[in-house]
Amino acid sequence: MLKKSIRFSAVIILISMIVLSCQKGDTGPAGPEGPEGPEGPPGANVIYSPWLDVTYAEGDDDNGDGDPDFYGATIPAAKLTASIMNSGAVHVYLNIGASNDPVVVSIPYGVNILSAFYENTIELIGDDDYSTFTVQGVKVNQYRYVLIPGEETARVMAGGKKIDWKNYNEVKAYLQLKD
C-alpha cells in the first residue's frame, strides 16, 4: 500500500509540475518575415483632374490706387476631403505653355500664385490675372490638381523612391498621369 501511495503522490507531483510549468512566459523571438504581397501600380489611389480652364477675378482695392490688391480663383475639387488634407497631400500644377508644348510649374509659383485648400475646393490667389486664355487657338495657363490619400504618400516614401512633387514631369511619370 505504501508503494501505491508513493506512486500516487509522484503522479500528483508530476501533474502539478506540468500544470505549473505551462504558465505564460516571455515572448520568444520573432519568426522569419513572410513574403511581401503584391504592390499595386504607382498612383493606384491617386486622384487627378484633367487640365482645367480657370478664371481669376479681381480682389479688393483697399489701398485706393485703382488696381486690385490681388486676383482670386476657385477650382472645384469634389474628392478633396478632410482626410486627404490631414494625412495625404494636395498638389496643384500650372501649364504656362500650350498643351502641345507644355511648360508645367508647381504652385505655389514663386510669390506670384499661392494656394489654399478646403473640402471640395482649391483657392488660388495671385498678384495678377493668371486666368486660362487662348492664343492662336491654343489654350495657355491651364491647371491640374493631384490628390494623394495618406496611405499612397506613405507607400511612395516606403518604396524608397522619393518623388520631387514640385517637378511635374517626375510626378507624371511616377503616377502614370495621362495628359
Protein backbone atom coordinates (compact mmCIF):
# COMPACT_ATOMS: atom_id res chain seq x y z
CA MET A 1 0.00 0.00 0.00
CA LEU A 2 2.89 2.30 0.70
CA LYS A 3 4.19 1.75 -2.84
CA LYS A 4 0.78 2.73 -4.25
CA SER A 5 0.70 5.84 -2.07
CA ILE A 6 4.21 6.87 -3.19
CA ARG A 7 3.33 6.22 -6.82
CA PHE A 8 0.09 8.21 -6.46
CA SER A 9 1.95 11.09 -4.79
CA ALA A 10 4.61 11.05 -7.53
CA VAL A 11 1.92 11.21 -10.23
CA ILE A 12 0.20 14.13 -8.44
CA ILE A 13 3.51 15.98 -8.10
CA LEU A 14 4.33 15.32 -11.77
CA ILE A 15 0.92 16.58 -12.92
CA SER A 16 1.25 19.66 -10.68
CA MET A 17 4.67 20.43 -12.13
CA ILE A 18 3.35 20.11 -15.69
CA VAL A 19 0.36 22.37 -14.97
CA LEU A 20 2.50 24.97 -13.19
CA SER A 21 5.14 24.96 -15.91
CA CYS A 22 2.52 25.78 -18.59
CA GLN A 23 2.13 29.38 -17.47
CA LYS A 24 2.60 32.14 -20.00
CA GLY A 25 6.23 33.18 -20.12
CA ASP A 26 8.38 35.60 -22.06
CA THR A 27 7.69 36.11 -25.74
CA GLY A 28 10.02 34.14 -27.94
CA PRO A 29 11.97 35.61 -30.85
CA ALA A 30 10.07 36.79 -33.92
CA GLY A 31 9.74 34.31 -36.71
CA PRO A 32 11.01 34.95 -40.23
CA GLU A 33 9.27 37.66 -42.25
CA GLY A 34 6.62 36.35 -44.61
CA PRO A 35 6.59 37.05 -48.33
CA GLU A 36 5.69 40.59 -49.36
CA GLY A 37 2.31 40.94 -51.02
CA PRO A 38 1.99 42.38 -54.50
CA GLU A 39 2.31 46.13 -54.72
CA GLY A 40 -0.30 47.95 -56.72
CA PRO A 41 0.70 50.14 -59.63
CA PRO A 42 2.10 53.57 -58.76
CA GLY A 43 -0.67 56.05 -58.10
CA ALA A 44 -3.39 53.42 -57.76
CA ASN A 45 -5.31 55.57 -55.27
CA VAL A 46 -4.27 58.96 -56.61
CA ILE A 47 -6.98 61.30 -57.89
CA TYR A 48 -6.10 63.86 -60.52
CA SER A 49 -8.01 66.32 -62.63
CA PRO A 50 -7.79 66.89 -66.34
CA TRP A 51 -6.15 70.15 -67.40
CA LEU A 52 -8.67 72.78 -66.33
CA ASP A 53 -9.59 76.26 -67.55
CA VAL A 54 -9.50 78.63 -64.57
CA THR A 55 -10.75 82.22 -64.40
CA TYR A 56 -9.39 84.71 -61.86
CA ALA A 57 -11.49 87.57 -60.52
CA GLU A 58 -10.20 90.91 -59.24
CA GLY A 59 -9.91 91.26 -55.50
CA ASP A 60 -10.44 94.40 -53.43
CA ASP A 61 -8.62 97.70 -53.97
CA ASP A 62 -8.05 98.52 -50.31
CA ASN A 63 -5.14 100.87 -50.93
CA GLY A 64 -7.15 103.03 -53.37
CA ASP A 65 -4.63 103.05 -56.21
CA GLY A 66 -7.18 101.88 -58.78
CA ASP A 67 -5.62 98.42 -59.13
CA PRO A 68 -6.90 95.28 -57.41
CA ASP A 69 -4.80 94.16 -54.44
CA PHE A 70 -4.98 90.55 -55.64
CA TYR A 71 -6.73 88.18 -58.06
CA GLY A 72 -8.51 85.05 -56.89
CA ALA A 73 -9.77 81.85 -58.50
CA THR A 74 -11.65 78.79 -57.29
CA ILE A 75 -11.18 75.25 -58.57
CA PRO A 76 -13.91 72.79 -57.55
CA ALA A 77 -12.32 69.54 -56.34
CA ALA A 78 -15.20 67.23 -55.34
CA LYS A 79 -12.90 64.49 -53.98
CA LEU A 80 -10.75 66.78 -51.83
CA THR A 81 -11.59 65.57 -48.31
CA ALA A 82 -10.52 66.44 -44.79
CA SER A 83 -8.79 63.05 -44.66
CA ILE A 84 -6.60 63.90 -47.66
CA MET A 85 -5.79 67.32 -46.21
CA ASN A 86 -4.96 65.82 -42.79
CA SER A 87 -2.89 62.82 -43.81
CA GLY A 88 -2.31 62.97 -47.57
CA ALA A 89 -1.13 65.63 -49.98
CA VAL A 90 -2.58 68.09 -52.46
CA HIS A 91 -0.53 69.39 -55.38
CA VAL A 92 -1.53 71.96 -57.98
CA TYR A 93 0.27 72.48 -61.29
CA LEU A 94 0.05 75.23 -63.91
CA ASN A 95 0.90 74.70 -67.57
CA ILE A 96 2.21 78.11 -68.57
CA GLY A 97 2.84 76.71 -72.05
CA ALA A 98 0.43 75.15 -74.51
CA SER A 99 -0.86 71.57 -74.37
CA ASN A 100 1.27 70.67 -77.42
CA ASP A 101 4.35 72.36 -75.89
CA PRO A 102 3.86 72.19 -72.09
CA VAL A 103 5.86 74.16 -69.56
CA VAL A 104 4.50 72.97 -66.22
CA VAL A 105 5.28 74.63 -62.90
CA SER A 106 4.22 73.77 -59.37
CA ILE A 107 2.04 76.03 -57.27
CA PRO A 108 2.98 77.91 -55.21
CA TYR A 109 4.67 79.54 -58.16
CA GLY A 110 7.20 81.89 -56.62
CA VAL A 111 5.28 84.58 -54.76
CA ASN A 112 3.02 85.12 -57.76
CA ILE A 113 0.42 82.38 -57.09
CA LEU A 114 -0.43 80.81 -53.74
CA SER A 115 -2.99 78.11 -52.94
CA ALA A 116 -5.33 77.26 -50.08
CA PHE A 117 -7.29 74.02 -49.70
CA TYR A 118 -10.75 73.43 -48.27
CA GLU A 119 -13.03 70.42 -48.54
CA ASN A 120 -14.08 70.15 -52.19
CA THR A 121 -12.30 73.40 -53.10
CA ILE A 122 -8.90 74.75 -54.10
CA GLU A 123 -8.46 78.54 -53.87
CA LEU A 124 -5.75 80.34 -55.81
CA ILE A 125 -4.54 83.87 -55.04
CA GLY A 126 -2.30 85.68 -57.48
CA ASP A 127 -0.65 89.06 -57.81
CA ASP A 128 -2.02 89.31 -61.38
CA ASP A 129 -4.65 87.70 -63.59
CA TYR A 130 -3.36 84.17 -64.32
CA SER A 131 -6.59 83.02 -65.98
CA THR A 132 -6.61 80.48 -68.80
CA PHE A 133 -6.51 82.23 -72.18
CA THR A 134 -6.24 81.32 -75.85
CA VAL A 135 -3.50 82.40 -78.26
CA GLN A 136 -3.90 81.48 -81.92
CA GLY A 137 -6.42 78.79 -81.00
CA VAL A 138 -4.19 77.24 -78.30
CA LYS A 139 -5.05 77.37 -74.57
CA VAL A 140 -2.40 78.63 -72.16
CA ASN A 141 -2.41 78.70 -68.35
CA GLN A 142 -4.34 75.54 -67.64
CA TYR A 143 -4.36 73.99 -64.17
CA ARG A 144 -4.31 70.43 -62.81
CA TYR A 145 -4.55 69.15 -59.26
CA VAL A 146 -3.35 65.84 -57.84
CA LEU A 147 -4.89 64.46 -54.62
CA ILE A 148 -2.87 61.79 -52.83
CA PRO A 149 -4.51 59.86 -49.97
CA GLY A 150 -2.33 59.32 -46.89
CA GLU A 151 -1.67 55.63 -47.49
CA GLU A 152 -0.43 56.36 -51.03
CA THR A 153 2.00 59.04 -49.80
CA ALA A 154 3.38 56.60 -47.21
CA ARG A 155 3.72 53.84 -49.82
CA VAL A 156 5.59 56.11 -52.20
CA MET A 157 8.08 57.01 -49.49
CA ALA A 158 8.27 53.44 -48.15
CA GLY A 159 9.11 52.19 -51.63
CA GLY A 160 12.44 54.00 -51.36
CA LYS A 161 11.76 56.32 -54.31
CA LYS A 162 11.43 59.90 -53.23
CA ILE A 163 9.38 61.98 -55.61
CA ASP A 164 10.07 65.67 -56.17
CA TRP A 165 6.44 66.77 -56.05
CA LYS A 166 7.37 70.17 -57.50
CA ASN A 167 8.73 68.50 -60.64
CA TYR A 168 5.61 67.77 -62.68
CA ASN A 169 7.41 65.54 -65.20
CA GLU A 170 8.68 63.31 -62.38
CA VAL A 171 5.22 63.16 -60.77
CA LYS A 172 3.56 62.48 -64.12
CA ALA A 173 5.96 59.63 -64.91
CA TYR A 174 5.76 58.03 -61.46
CA LEU A 175 1.97 58.25 -61.13
CA GLN A 176 1.45 57.44 -64.81
CA LEU A 177 -0.77 60.50 -65.31
CA LYS A 178 -2.35 60.89 -68.73
CA ASP A 179 -2.41 64.30 -70.39
